[in-house]
Amino acid sequence: MKGGKSKADSRKADSRLAVKKQSKKEKKAAKDPNKPKRPPSAFFVFMEDFRKQYKEKHPNNKSVAAVGKAGGDKWKSLSDEEKAPFVAKAEKRKEEYERKMEAYNRKLAGGGDDESDKSKSEVNDEEDEEGSGEEEEDDD
Protein backbone atom coordinates (compact mmCIF):
# COMPACT_ATOMS: atom_id res chain seq x y z
CA MET A 1 0.00 0.00 0.00
CA LYS A 2 1.33 3.31 -0.98
CA GLY A 3 1.61 5.88 1.78
CA GLY A 4 -1.48 4.67 3.60
CA LYS A 5 -1.91 2.85 6.84
CA SER A 6 -3.06 -0.69 6.91
CA LYS A 7 -6.34 -1.59 8.57
CA ALA A 8 -4.52 -3.27 11.44
CA ASP A 9 -2.53 -0.11 12.18
CA SER A 10 -5.67 2.04 12.24
CA ARG A 11 -7.42 -0.38 14.63
CA LYS A 12 -4.48 -0.24 17.04
CA ALA A 13 -4.60 3.55 17.05
CA ASP A 14 -8.35 3.56 17.65
CA SER A 15 -8.04 1.18 20.57
CA ARG A 16 -5.42 3.42 22.19
CA LEU A 17 -7.66 6.45 21.82
CA ALA A 18 -10.77 4.71 23.06
CA VAL A 19 -11.98 5.90 26.44
CA LYS A 20 -13.23 3.27 28.80
CA LYS A 21 -16.84 3.85 29.72
CA GLN A 22 -17.79 3.20 33.30
CA SER A 23 -21.03 1.54 34.18
CA LYS A 24 -23.56 3.40 36.32
CA LYS A 25 -22.61 1.36 39.36
CA GLU A 26 -18.96 2.30 39.01
CA LYS A 27 -19.72 6.00 38.63
CA LYS A 28 -21.84 6.21 41.77
CA ALA A 29 -20.06 6.20 45.10
CA ALA A 30 -21.08 3.42 47.43
CA LYS A 31 -23.61 4.46 50.08
CA ASP A 32 -22.51 4.29 53.68
CA PRO A 33 -25.12 2.37 55.69
CA ASN A 34 -24.04 4.19 58.87
CA LYS A 35 -24.81 7.64 57.47
CA PRO A 36 -27.89 9.18 59.13
CA LYS A 37 -31.02 9.49 57.02
CA ARG A 38 -32.24 12.96 56.11
CA PRO A 39 -35.15 14.18 58.23
CA PRO A 40 -38.66 14.42 56.79
CA SER A 41 -40.13 17.79 55.88
CA ALA A 42 -43.18 19.18 57.70
CA PHE A 43 -45.40 17.76 54.96
CA PHE A 44 -44.09 14.22 55.47
CA VAL A 45 -44.49 14.55 59.24
CA PHE A 46 -48.11 15.54 58.53
CA MET A 47 -48.55 12.60 56.16
CA GLU A 48 -47.50 10.10 58.85
CA ASP A 49 -50.57 11.06 60.91
CA PHE A 50 -52.81 11.60 57.88
CA ARG A 51 -52.20 8.08 56.52
CA LYS A 52 -53.39 6.55 59.79
CA GLN A 53 -56.55 8.68 59.82
CA TYR A 54 -57.22 8.02 56.13
CA LYS A 55 -56.90 4.25 56.55
CA GLU A 56 -59.40 4.31 59.43
CA LYS A 57 -61.93 6.23 57.32
CA HIS A 58 -61.27 4.27 54.10
CA PRO A 59 -60.26 0.71 55.08
CA ASN A 60 -60.92 -0.73 51.61
CA ASN A 61 -58.71 1.75 49.75
CA LYS A 62 -55.55 0.12 48.39
CA SER A 63 -54.39 3.05 46.24
CA VAL A 64 -51.27 4.82 47.49
CA ALA A 65 -51.88 7.58 44.95
CA ALA A 66 -55.33 8.31 46.39
CA VAL A 67 -53.91 8.67 49.90
CA GLY A 68 -51.15 10.96 48.64
CA LYS A 69 -53.55 13.11 46.64
CA ALA A 70 -55.97 13.45 49.56
CA GLY A 71 -53.08 14.29 51.89
CA GLY A 72 -51.73 16.91 49.54
CA ASP A 73 -55.14 18.55 49.19
CA LYS A 74 -55.61 18.55 52.97
CA TRP A 75 -52.13 20.05 53.52
CA LYS A 76 -52.83 22.84 51.04
CA SER A 77 -56.09 23.67 52.80
CA LEU A 78 -54.47 23.93 56.26
CA SER A 79 -53.67 27.36 57.64
CA ASP A 80 -50.21 28.26 58.97
CA GLU A 81 -51.46 27.85 62.55
CA GLU A 82 -52.69 24.35 61.78
CA LYS A 83 -49.36 23.47 60.12
CA ALA A 84 -47.31 24.83 63.06
CA PRO A 85 -47.13 21.59 65.10
CA PHE A 86 -45.88 19.65 62.07
CA VAL A 87 -43.33 22.36 61.26
CA ALA A 88 -42.12 22.25 64.89
CA LYS A 89 -41.72 18.45 64.78
CA ALA A 90 -39.84 18.71 61.48
CA GLU A 91 -37.48 21.34 62.96
CA LYS A 92 -36.85 19.12 65.97
CA ARG A 93 -36.00 16.17 63.72
CA LYS A 94 -33.77 18.40 61.60
CA GLU A 95 -31.78 19.52 64.67
CA GLU A 96 -31.40 15.90 65.75
CA TYR A 97 -30.25 14.99 62.23
CA GLU A 98 -27.67 17.79 62.25
CA ARG A 99 -26.27 16.55 65.57
CA LYS A 100 -26.04 13.01 64.18
CA MET A 101 -24.34 14.29 61.01
CA GLU A 102 -21.76 16.23 63.05
CA ALA A 103 -20.98 13.09 65.02
CA TYR A 104 -20.88 11.05 61.80
CA ASN A 105 -18.51 13.53 60.13
CA ARG A 106 -16.26 13.64 63.21
CA LYS A 107 -16.19 9.85 63.18
CA LEU A 108 -15.15 9.84 59.51
CA ALA A 109 -12.47 12.48 60.06
CA GLY A 110 -11.23 10.84 63.26
CA GLY A 111 -10.55 7.51 61.67
CA GLY A 112 -13.35 5.27 62.82
CA ASP A 113 -14.37 4.98 66.45
CA ASP A 114 -16.81 2.12 66.43
CA GLU A 115 -18.47 3.08 69.73
CA SER A 116 -21.81 4.83 69.53
CA ASP A 117 -22.41 8.14 71.31
CA LYS A 118 -24.76 6.45 73.76
CA SER A 119 -22.19 3.88 74.83
CA LYS A 120 -19.56 6.59 75.26
CA SER A 121 -21.83 8.60 77.55
CA GLU A 122 -22.65 5.50 79.60
CA VAL A 123 -18.96 4.73 80.02
CA ASN A 124 -18.24 8.33 81.04
CA ASP A 125 -21.09 8.26 83.58
CA GLU A 126 -19.67 5.12 85.17
CA GLU A 127 -16.21 6.67 85.40
CA ASP A 128 -17.64 9.78 87.05
CA GLU A 129 -19.38 7.68 89.70
CA GLU A 130 -16.30 5.58 90.48
CA GLY A 131 -13.74 8.35 90.54
CA SER A 132 -15.78 11.06 92.24
CA GLY A 133 -13.51 11.18 95.32
CA GLU A 134 -10.26 11.26 93.37
CA GLU A 135 -8.94 13.96 91.07
CA GLU A 136 -6.92 13.19 87.96
CA GLU A 137 -3.63 14.92 87.33
CA ASP A 138 -2.89 16.49 83.95
CA ASP A 139 0.63 16.24 82.54
CA ASP A 140 1.19 19.48 80.63
C-alpha atoms as a PDB file:
ATOM      1  CA  MET A   1       0.000   0.000   0.000  1.00  0.00           C
ATOM      2  CA  LYS A   2       1.326   3.306  -0.981  1.00  0.00           C
ATOM      3  CA  GLY A   3       1.611   5.884   1.780  1.00  0.00           C
ATOM      4  CA  GLY A   4      -1.484   4.666   3.600  1.00  0.00           C
ATOM      5  CA  LYS A   5      -1.912   2.849   6.837  1.00  0.00           C
ATOM      6  CA  SER A   6      -3.062  -0.689   6.909  1.00  0.00           C
ATOM      7  CA  LYS A   7      -6.339  -1.593   8.570  1.00  0.00           C
ATOM      8  CA  ALA A   8      -4.518  -3.271  11.441  1.00  0.00           C
ATOM      9  CA  ASP A   9      -2.533  -0.107  12.183  1.00  0.00           C
ATOM     10  CA  SER A  10      -5.672   2.044  12.242  1.00  0.00           C
ATOM     11  CA  ARG A  11      -7.416  -0.379  14.628  1.00  0.00           C
ATOM     12  CA  LYS A  12      -4.480  -0.237  17.044  1.00  0.00           C
ATOM     13  CA  ALA A  13      -4.598   3.554  17.051  1.00  0.00           C
ATOM     14  CA  ASP A  14      -8.346   3.561  17.646  1.00  0.00           C
ATOM     15  CA  SER A  15      -8.042   1.179  20.566  1.00  0.00           C
ATOM     16  CA  ARG A  16      -5.423   3.425  22.185  1.00  0.00           C
ATOM     17  CA  LEU A  17      -7.660   6.448  21.821  1.00  0.00           C
ATOM     18  CA  ALA A  18     -10.769   4.711  23.058  1.00  0.00           C
ATOM     19  CA  VAL A  19     -11.979   5.898  26.444  1.00  0.00           C
ATOM     20  CA  LYS A  20     -13.230   3.266  28.800  1.00  0.00           C
ATOM     21  CA  LYS A  21     -16.843   3.853  29.721  1.00  0.00           C
ATOM     22  CA  GLN A  22     -17.787   3.198  33.298  1.00  0.00           C
ATOM     23  CA  SER A  23     -21.028   1.542  34.183  1.00  0.00           C
ATOM     24  CA  LYS A  24     -23.563   3.404  36.324  1.00  0.00           C
ATOM     25  CA  LYS A  25     -22.615   1.357  39.357  1.00  0.00           C
ATOM     26  CA  GLU A  26     -18.960   2.296  39.011  1.00  0.00           C
ATOM     27  CA  LYS A  27     -19.715   6.004  38.633  1.00  0.00           C
ATOM     28  CA  LYS A  28     -21.838   6.211  41.772  1.00  0.00           C
ATOM     29  CA  ALA A  29     -20.062   6.201  45.100  1.00  0.00           C
ATOM     30  CA  ALA A  30     -21.079   3.421  47.431  1.00  0.00           C
ATOM     31  CA  LYS A  31     -23.613   4.458  50.082  1.00  0.00           C
ATOM     32  CA  ASP A  32     -22.514   4.294  53.680  1.00  0.00           C
ATOM     33  CA  PRO A  33     -25.125   2.371  55.685  1.00  0.00           C
ATOM     34  CA  ASN A  34     -24.041   4.188  58.875  1.00  0.00           C
ATOM     35  CA  LYS A  35     -24.807   7.640  57.465  1.00  0.00           C
ATOM     36  CA  PRO A  36     -27.889   9.181  59.129  1.00  0.00           C
ATOM     37  CA  LYS A  37     -31.020   9.490  57.019  1.00  0.00           C
ATOM     38  CA  ARG A  38     -32.238  12.956  56.105  1.00  0.00           C
ATOM     39  CA  PRO A  39     -35.151  14.180  58.233  1.00  0.00           C
ATOM     40  CA  PRO A  40     -38.656  14.416  56.786  1.00  0.00           C
ATOM     41  CA  SER A  41     -40.132  17.794  55.884  1.00  0.00           C
ATOM     42  CA  ALA A  42     -43.180  19.183  57.698  1.00  0.00           C
ATOM     43  CA  PHE A  43     -45.403  17.759  54.959  1.00  0.00           C
ATOM     44  CA  PHE A  44     -44.093  14.224  55.465  1.00  0.00           C
ATOM     45  CA  VAL A  45     -44.494  14.546  59.243  1.00  0.00           C
ATOM     46  CA  PHE A  46     -48.111  15.542  58.532  1.00  0.00           C
ATOM     47  CA  MET A  47     -48.549  12.602  56.155  1.00  0.00           C
ATOM     48  CA  GLU A  48     -47.501  10.101  58.851  1.00  0.00           C
ATOM     49  CA  ASP A  49     -50.566  11.064  60.905  1.00  0.00           C
ATOM     50  CA  PHE A  50     -52.807  11.601  57.880  1.00  0.00           C
ATOM     51  CA  ARG A  51     -52.201   8.085  56.521  1.00  0.00           C
ATOM     52  CA  LYS A  52     -53.392   6.546  59.791  1.00  0.00           C
ATOM     53  CA  GLN A  53     -56.549   8.675  59.817  1.00  0.00           C
ATOM     54  CA  TYR A  54     -57.221   8.020  56.134  1.00  0.00           C
ATOM     55  CA  LYS A  55     -56.895   4.248  56.554  1.00  0.00           C
ATOM     56  CA  GLU A  56     -59.403   4.307  59.427  1.00  0.00           C
ATOM     57  CA  LYS A  57     -61.935   6.225  57.321  1.00  0.00           C
ATOM     58  CA  HIS A  58     -61.274   4.268  54.098  1.00  0.00           C
ATOM     59  CA  PRO A  59     -60.256   0.711  55.078  1.00  0.00           C
ATOM     60  CA  ASN A  60     -60.925  -0.726  51.606  1.00  0.00           C
ATOM     61  CA  ASN A  61     -58.714   1.752  49.753  1.00  0.00           C
ATOM     62  CA  LYS A  62     -55.551   0.120  48.393  1.00  0.00           C
ATOM     63  CA  SER A  63     -54.393   3.055  46.241  1.00  0.00           C
ATOM     64  CA  VAL A  64     -51.271   4.825  47.489  1.00  0.00           C
ATOM     65  CA  ALA A  65     -51.877   7.583  44.955  1.00  0.00           C
ATOM     66  CA  ALA A  66     -55.335   8.307  46.386  1.00  0.00           C
ATOM     67  CA  VAL A  67     -53.909   8.674  49.898  1.00  0.00           C
ATOM     68  CA  GLY A  68     -51.154  10.961  48.642  1.00  0.00           C
ATOM     69  CA  LYS A  69     -53.554  13.111  46.644  1.00  0.00           C
ATOM     70  CA  ALA A  70     -55.972  13.448  49.559  1.00  0.00           C
ATOM     71  CA  GLY A  71     -53.077  14.287  51.892  1.00  0.00           C
ATOM     72  CA  GLY A  72     -51.728  16.914  49.535  1.00  0.00           C
ATOM     73  CA  ASP A  73     -55.137  18.545  49.191  1.00  0.00           C
ATOM     74  CA  LYS A  74     -55.613  18.550  52.967  1.00  0.00           C
ATOM     75  CA  TRP A  75     -52.128  20.046  53.522  1.00  0.00           C
ATOM     76  CA  LYS A  76     -52.827  22.841  51.041  1.00  0.00           C
ATOM     77  CA  SER A  77     -56.092  23.668  52.796  1.00  0.00           C
ATOM     78  CA  LEU A  78     -54.474  23.931  56.264  1.00  0.00           C
ATOM     79  CA  SER A  79     -53.669  27.360  57.642  1.00  0.00           C
ATOM     80  CA  ASP A  80     -50.212  28.261  58.969  1.00  0.00           C
ATOM     81  CA  GLU A  81     -51.459  27.853  62.547  1.00  0.00           C
ATOM     82  CA  GLU A  82     -52.692  24.346  61.780  1.00  0.00           C
ATOM     83  CA  LYS A  83     -49.365  23.467  60.125  1.00  0.00           C
ATOM     84  CA  ALA A  84     -47.309  24.827  63.059  1.00  0.00           C
ATOM     85  CA  PRO A  85     -47.127  21.586  65.102  1.00  0.00           C
ATOM     86  CA  PHE A  86     -45.879  19.653  62.072  1.00  0.00           C
ATOM     87  CA  VAL A  87     -43.327  22.355  61.263  1.00  0.00           C
ATOM     88  CA  ALA A  88     -42.120  22.255  64.890  1.00  0.00           C
ATOM     89  CA  LYS A  89     -41.724  18.448  64.777  1.00  0.00           C
ATOM     90  CA  ALA A  90     -39.842  18.710  61.485  1.00  0.00           C
ATOM     91  CA  GLU A  91     -37.485  21.340  62.956  1.00  0.00           C
ATOM     92  CA  LYS A  92     -36.852  19.124  65.969  1.00  0.00           C
ATOM     93  CA  ARG A  93     -36.001  16.171  63.723  1.00  0.00           C
ATOM     94  CA  LYS A  94     -33.769  18.404  61.600  1.00  0.00           C
ATOM     95  CA  GLU A  95     -31.776  19.518  64.666  1.00  0.00           C
ATOM     96  CA  GLU A  96     -31.398  15.899  65.752  1.00  0.00           C
ATOM     97  CA  TYR A  97     -30.252  14.987  62.232  1.00  0.00           C
ATOM     98  CA  GLU A  98     -27.668  17.792  62.250  1.00  0.00           C
ATOM     99  CA  ARG A  99     -26.268  16.549  65.572  1.00  0.00           C
ATOM    100  CA  LYS A 100     -26.038  13.011  64.183  1.00  0.00           C
ATOM    101  CA  MET A 101     -24.342  14.287  61.014  1.00  0.00           C
ATOM    102  CA  GLU A 102     -21.762  16.231  63.048  1.00  0.00           C
ATOM    103  CA  ALA A 103     -20.979  13.089  65.019  1.00  0.00           C
ATOM    104  CA  TYR A 104     -20.876  11.053  61.802  1.00  0.00           C
ATOM    105  CA  ASN A 105     -18.507  13.529  60.129  1.00  0.00           C
ATOM    106  CA  ARG A 106     -16.262  13.640  63.211  1.00  0.00           C
ATOM    107  CA  LYS A 107     -16.190   9.848  63.182  1.00  0.00           C
ATOM    108  CA  LEU A 108     -15.146   9.841  59.507  1.00  0.00           C
ATOM    109  CA  ALA A 109     -12.470  12.481  60.061  1.00  0.00           C
ATOM    110  CA  GLY A 110     -11.225  10.845  63.261  1.00  0.00           C
ATOM    111  CA  GLY A 111     -10.550   7.512  61.669  1.00  0.00           C
ATOM    112  CA  GLY A 112     -13.354   5.270  62.822  1.00  0.00           C
ATOM    113  CA  ASP A 113     -14.367   4.984  66.445  1.00  0.00           C
ATOM    114  CA  ASP A 114     -16.813   2.117  66.433  1.00  0.00           C
ATOM    115  CA  GLU A 115     -18.471   3.077  69.730  1.00  0.00           C
ATOM    116  CA  SER A 116     -21.806   4.830  69.530  1.00  0.00           C
ATOM    117  CA  ASP A 117     -22.414   8.145  71.306  1.00  0.00           C
ATOM    118  CA  LYS A 118     -24.762   6.449  73.763  1.00  0.00           C
ATOM    119  CA  SER A 119     -22.195   3.878  74.832  1.00  0.00           C
ATOM    120  CA  LYS A 120     -19.558   6.595  75.263  1.00  0.00           C
ATOM    121  CA  SER A 121     -21.834   8.596  77.552  1.00  0.00           C
ATOM    122  CA  GLU A 122     -22.648   5.496  79.599  1.00  0.00           C
ATOM    123  CA  VAL A 123     -18.959   4.726  80.024  1.00  0.00           C
ATOM    124  CA  ASN A 124     -18.244   8.333  81.036  1.00  0.00           C
ATOM    125  CA  ASP A 125     -21.090   8.257  83.576  1.00  0.00           C
ATOM    126  CA  GLU A 126     -19.674   5.122  85.166  1.00  0.00           C
ATOM    127  CA  GLU A 127     -16.211   6.665  85.397  1.00  0.00           C
ATOM    128  CA  ASP A 128     -17.641   9.780  87.046  1.00  0.00           C
ATOM    129  CA  GLU A 129     -19.383   7.675  89.704  1.00  0.00           C
ATOM    130  CA  GLU A 130     -16.302   5.583  90.481  1.00  0.00           C
ATOM    131  CA  GLY A 131     -13.735   8.348  90.539  1.00  0.00           C
ATOM    132  CA  SER A 132     -15.785  11.061  92.244  1.00  0.00           C
ATOM    133  CA  GLY A 133     -13.507  11.182  95.315  1.00  0.00           C
ATOM    134  CA  GLU A 134     -10.260  11.257  93.367  1.00  0.00           C
ATOM    135  CA  GLU A 135      -8.937  13.957  91.072  1.00  0.00           C
ATOM    136  CA  GLU A 136      -6.924  13.189  87.963  1.00  0.00           C
ATOM    137  CA  GLU A 137      -3.626  14.921  87.326  1.00  0.00           C
ATOM    138  CA  ASP A 138      -2.891  16.489  83.955  1.00  0.00           C
ATOM    139  CA  ASP A 139       0.629  16.240  82.537  1.00  0.00           C
ATOM    140  CA  ASP A 140       1.194  19.475  80.628  1.00  0.00           C
END
